[in-house]
Amino acid sequence: MAKSELSNEIRRLRFEHGEMTQQDLADRAKVTRQTIIALEAGRYVPSLLLAFRIARVFDVTVDDLFHWNSKR
């Protein structure tokens, strides 16, 4: 499987925010725990709306949360 072009800081931010569980984040972002698992593993690219909801949970920008890994 090819590595995703999008990486994220979700796992790091969860631990920096009181060791938030995947379920806690899922509840706050209004998605399933499986969605958070897939995001952290780089197996799922979120919608723009979901990216903003997760960023809001951590009080960071979408740019702080997600990184595009360009091959250029």
Protein backbone atom coordinates (compact mmCIF):
# COMPACT_ATOMS: atom_id res chain seq x y z
CA MET A 1 0.00 0.00 0.00
CA ALA A 2 1.35 3.42 -0.95
CA LYS A 3 1.98 5.91 1.81
CA SER A 4 -0.69 8.59 2.09
CA GLU A 5 0.11 12.03 0.73
CA LEU A 6 -1.49 13.47 3.86
CA SER A 7 -0.01 13.06 7.33
CA ASN A 8 -1.40 14.36 10.60
CA GLU A 9 -0.64 15.24 14.20
CA ILE A 10 -3.79 13.71 15.69
CA ARG A 11 -2.09 11.13 17.90
CA ARG A 12 0.43 13.64 19.27
CA LEU A 13 -2.27 16.22 19.94
CA ARG A 14 -4.49 13.68 21.71
CA PHE A 15 -1.68 12.94 24.16
CA GLU A 16 -0.84 16.62 24.61
CA HIS A 17 -4.49 17.22 25.52
CA GLY A 18 -4.67 15.08 28.62
CA GLU A 19 -4.15 11.74 26.87
CA MET A 20 -7.50 12.07 25.15
CA THR A 21 -8.76 8.71 23.94
CA GLN A 22 -9.69 8.01 20.36
CA GLN A 23 -13.29 7.61 21.52
CA ASP A 24 -13.24 11.02 23.26
CA LEU A 25 -11.99 12.67 20.09
CA ALA A 26 -14.51 10.78 17.96
CA ASP A 27 -17.36 11.92 20.21
CA ARG A 28 -16.22 15.54 20.09
CA ALA A 29 -15.71 15.46 16.30
CA LYS A 30 -19.00 13.59 15.75
CA VAL A 31 -17.47 10.58 13.99
CA THR A 32 -16.81 6.96 14.91
CA ARG A 33 -13.75 5.72 16.73
CA GLN A 34 -12.92 3.70 13.61
CA THR A 35 -12.68 6.96 11.64
CA ILE A 36 -10.13 8.33 14.12
CA ILE A 37 -8.16 5.07 13.95
CA ALA A 38 -8.10 5.23 10.14
CA LEU A 39 -7.06 8.90 10.17
CA GLU A 40 -4.20 8.30 12.59
CA ALA A 41 -2.99 5.37 10.49
CA GLY A 42 -3.08 7.43 7.29
CA ARG A 43 -5.68 5.14 5.71
CA TYR A 44 -8.35 7.83 5.41
CA VAL A 45 -8.35 11.40 4.12
CA PRO A 46 -10.91 13.51 5.96
CA SER A 47 -13.43 15.83 4.41
CA LEU A 48 -12.69 19.51 4.83
CA LEU A 49 -15.53 19.79 7.33
CA LEU A 50 -14.12 16.95 9.46
CA ALA A 51 -10.63 18.45 9.29
CA PHE A 52 -12.01 21.72 10.68
CA ARG A 53 -13.99 19.93 13.41
CA ILE A 54 -10.92 18.02 14.60
CA ALA A 55 -8.76 21.15 14.45
CA ARG A 56 -11.34 22.99 16.55
CA VAL A 57 -11.23 20.24 19.22
CA PHE A 58 -7.50 20.86 19.63
CA ASP A 59 -7.71 24.65 19.10
CA VAL A 60 -5.23 24.52 16.22
CA THR A 61 -5.44 25.36 12.53
CA VAL A 62 -6.03 22.72 9.87
CA ASP A 63 -2.48 23.46 8.66
CA ASP A 64 -1.14 22.64 12.13
CA LEU A 65 -3.08 19.39 12.16
CA PHE A 66 -2.59 18.03 8.62
CA HIS A 67 0.49 18.09 6.39
CA TRP A 68 0.57 17.45 2.66
CA ASN A 69 3.58 15.33 1.72
CA SER A 70 4.28 16.65 -1.78
CA LYS A 71 6.66 14.72 -4.00
CA ARG A 72 7.59 17.84 -6.01
